[in-house]
Amino acid sequence: MDLAARAGYDPKAFGGPIGVFAGATTNSYYLNNLQSRRDVTDQLGLLSTQMANQNQYMATRVAYKFDLKGPALNVQTACSTSLVAVCTAVQSL
């Protein structure tokens, strides 16, 4: 079963573009759990491990994984991130 089917939708069945508007705070998982684990970074590669844990790539990674064809925009505005992401998504409709 592919990723989109497990998520409960089929992007190929929808005729229009589907976009992702996302924002998140700083991710400390990498710093607290992976950076000191040389076995993990050696196995997966340091760059891949770092990039997979960066919040700046969240919208584009989700859009790529689900094969979405609409806009993929990451929003970072400190305390108003979620509000700005929702407002931007609504304006995009």
C-alpha atoms as a PDB file:
ATOM      1  CA  MET A   1       0.000   0.000   0.000  1.00  0.00           C
ATOM      2  CA  ASP A   2       1.478   3.347  -0.984  1.00  0.00           C
ATOM      3  CA  LEU A   3       1.876   6.382   1.262  1.00  0.00           C
ATOM      4  CA  ALA A   4      -1.061   8.329  -0.209  1.00  0.00           C
ATOM      5  CA  ALA A   5      -3.464   5.420   0.230  1.00  0.00           C
ATOM      6  CA  ARG A   6      -2.383   5.012   3.841  1.00  0.00           C
ATOM      7  CA  ALA A   7      -3.083   8.724   4.366  1.00  0.00           C
ATOM      8  CA  GLY A   8      -6.672   8.199   3.201  1.00  0.00           C
ATOM      9  CA  TYR A   9      -6.682  10.031  -0.144  1.00  0.00           C
ATOM     10  CA  ASP A  10      -5.678   9.575  -3.753  1.00  0.00           C
ATOM     11  CA  PRO A  11      -4.075  12.716  -5.270  1.00  0.00           C
ATOM     12  CA  LYS A  12      -4.485  11.248  -8.762  1.00  0.00           C
ATOM     13  CA  ALA A  13      -8.273  11.108  -8.316  1.00  0.00           C
ATOM     14  CA  PHE A  14      -8.457  14.847  -7.553  1.00  0.00           C
ATOM     15  CA  GLY A  15      -8.446  16.995 -10.663  1.00  0.00           C
ATOM     16  CA  GLY A  16      -6.795  20.104  -9.263  1.00  0.00           C
ATOM     17  CA  PRO A  17      -3.581  20.976  -7.509  1.00  0.00           C
ATOM     18  CA  ILE A  18      -3.170  20.149  -3.812  1.00  0.00           C
ATOM     19  CA  GLY A  19      -0.894  22.427  -1.804  1.00  0.00           C
ATOM     20  CA  VAL A  20       0.940  22.237   1.499  1.00  0.00           C
ATOM     21  CA  PHE A  21       1.324  25.262   3.777  1.00  0.00           C
ATOM     22  CA  ALA A  22       3.317  24.370   6.861  1.00  0.00           C
ATOM     23  CA  GLY A  23       5.250  25.831   9.728  1.00  0.00           C
ATOM     24  CA  ALA A  24       6.998  24.400  12.766  1.00  0.00           C
ATOM     25  CA  THR A  25       9.236  25.445  15.577  1.00  0.00           C
ATOM     26  CA  THR A  26      12.876  24.451  15.840  1.00  0.00           C
ATOM     27  CA  ASN A  27      13.329  20.705  15.905  1.00  0.00           C
ATOM     28  CA  SER A  28      15.616  19.597  18.738  1.00  0.00           C
ATOM     29  CA  TYR A  29      15.314  15.857  18.040  1.00  0.00           C
ATOM     30  CA  TYR A  30      18.437  15.807  15.892  1.00  0.00           C
ATOM     31  CA  LEU A  31      20.507  17.738  18.440  1.00  0.00           C
ATOM     32  CA  ASN A  32      19.297  15.725  21.435  1.00  0.00           C
ATOM     33  CA  ASN A  33      19.119  12.224  19.940  1.00  0.00           C
ATOM     34  CA  LEU A  34      21.022  11.843  16.674  1.00  0.00           C
ATOM     35  CA  GLN A  35      23.968  14.211  16.555  1.00  0.00           C
ATOM     36  CA  SER A  36      25.967  12.202  19.079  1.00  0.00           C
ATOM     37  CA  ARG A  37      24.958   8.843  17.508  1.00  0.00           C
ATOM     38  CA  ARG A  38      27.808   8.239  15.086  1.00  0.00           C
ATOM     39  CA  ASP A  39      26.353   4.806  14.195  1.00  0.00           C
ATOM     40  CA  VAL A  40      23.183   6.451  12.859  1.00  0.00           C
ATOM     41  CA  THR A  41      24.886   9.248  10.955  1.00  0.00           C
ATOM     42  CA  ASP A  42      27.427   6.824   9.453  1.00  0.00           C
ATOM     43  CA  GLN A  43      24.660   4.497   8.288  1.00  0.00           C
ATOM     44  CA  LEU A  44      22.351   7.148   6.838  1.00  0.00           C
ATOM     45  CA  GLY A  45      24.893   9.840   6.014  1.00  0.00           C
ATOM     46  CA  LEU A  46      25.410  13.042   7.968  1.00  0.00           C
ATOM     47  CA  LEU A  47      23.809  15.340   5.366  1.00  0.00           C
ATOM     48  CA  SER A  48      20.748  13.098   4.927  1.00  0.00           C
ATOM     49  CA  THR A  49      20.296  12.828   8.678  1.00  0.00           C
ATOM     50  CA  GLN A  50      20.533  16.583   9.148  1.00  0.00           C
ATOM     51  CA  MET A  51      18.212  17.453   6.252  1.00  0.00           C
ATOM     52  CA  ALA A  52      15.575  14.910   7.288  1.00  0.00           C
ATOM     53  CA  ASN A  53      15.343  16.636  10.661  1.00  0.00           C
ATOM     54  CA  GLN A  54      15.163  20.257   9.486  1.00  0.00           C
ATOM     55  CA  ASN A  55      11.811  22.024   9.732  1.00  0.00           C
ATOM     56  CA  GLN A  56      12.637  24.270   6.743  1.00  0.00           C
ATOM     57  CA  TYR A  57      11.984  21.384   4.348  1.00  0.00           C
ATOM     58  CA  MET A  58       8.718  20.175   5.875  1.00  0.00           C
ATOM     59  CA  ALA A  59       6.271  21.456   3.231  1.00  0.00           C
ATOM     60  CA  THR A  60       8.366  20.389   0.262  1.00  0.00           C
ATOM     61  CA  ARG A  61       9.118  16.951   1.753  1.00  0.00           C
ATOM     62  CA  VAL A  62       5.405  16.321   2.393  1.00  0.00           C
ATOM     63  CA  ALA A  63       4.481  17.498  -1.115  1.00  0.00           C
ATOM     64  CA  TYR A  64       7.163  15.299  -2.652  1.00  0.00           C
ATOM     65  CA  LYS A  65       6.273  12.198  -0.600  1.00  0.00           C
ATOM     66  CA  PHE A  66       2.581  12.505  -1.467  1.00  0.00           C
ATOM     67  CA  ASP A  67       3.259  13.514  -5.099  1.00  0.00           C
ATOM     68  CA  LEU A  68       1.288  16.746  -4.720  1.00  0.00           C
ATOM     69  CA  LYS A  69       1.336  19.256  -7.582  1.00  0.00           C
ATOM     70  CA  GLY A  70       0.218  22.434  -5.822  1.00  0.00           C
ATOM     71  CA  PRO A  71       2.260  25.019  -3.932  1.00  0.00           C
ATOM     72  CA  ALA A  72       4.542  23.871  -1.111  1.00  0.00           C
ATOM     73  CA  LEU A  73       5.249  26.786   1.186  1.00  0.00           C
ATOM     74  CA  ASN A  74       7.077  26.751   4.489  1.00  0.00           C
ATOM     75  CA  VAL A  75       6.132  29.576   6.860  1.00  0.00           C
ATOM     76  CA  GLN A  76       8.351  30.883   9.673  1.00  0.00           C
ATOM     77  CA  THR A  77       7.008  33.955  11.475  1.00  0.00           C
ATOM     78  CA  ALA A  78       7.835  33.229  15.130  1.00  0.00           C
ATOM     79  CA  CYS A  79       4.690  33.176  17.281  1.00  0.00           C
ATOM     80  CA  SER A  80       2.262  33.700  14.396  1.00  0.00           C
ATOM     81  CA  THR A  81       3.476  30.822  12.201  1.00  0.00           C
ATOM     82  CA  SER A  82       0.315  28.717  12.337  1.00  0.00           C
ATOM     83  CA  LEU A  83      -1.971  31.708  11.797  1.00  0.00           C
ATOM     84  CA  VAL A  84       0.077  32.981   8.850  1.00  0.00           C
ATOM     85  CA  ALA A  85       0.214  29.480   7.321  1.00  0.00           C
ATOM     86  CA  VAL A  86      -3.579  29.137   7.501  1.00  0.00           C
ATOM     87  CA  CYS A  87      -4.175  32.687   6.175  1.00  0.00           C
ATOM     88  CA  THR A  88      -1.746  32.092   3.306  1.00  0.00           C
ATOM     89  CA  ALA A  89      -3.451  28.801   2.441  1.00  0.00           C
ATOM     90  CA  VAL A  90      -6.884  30.465   2.444  1.00  0.00           C
ATOM     91  CA  GLN A  91      -5.601  33.295   0.219  1.00  0.00           C
ATOM     92  CA  SER A  92      -4.225  30.682  -2.153  1.00  0.00           C
ATOM     93  CA  LEU A  93      -7.659  29.153  -2.751  1.00  0.00           C
END
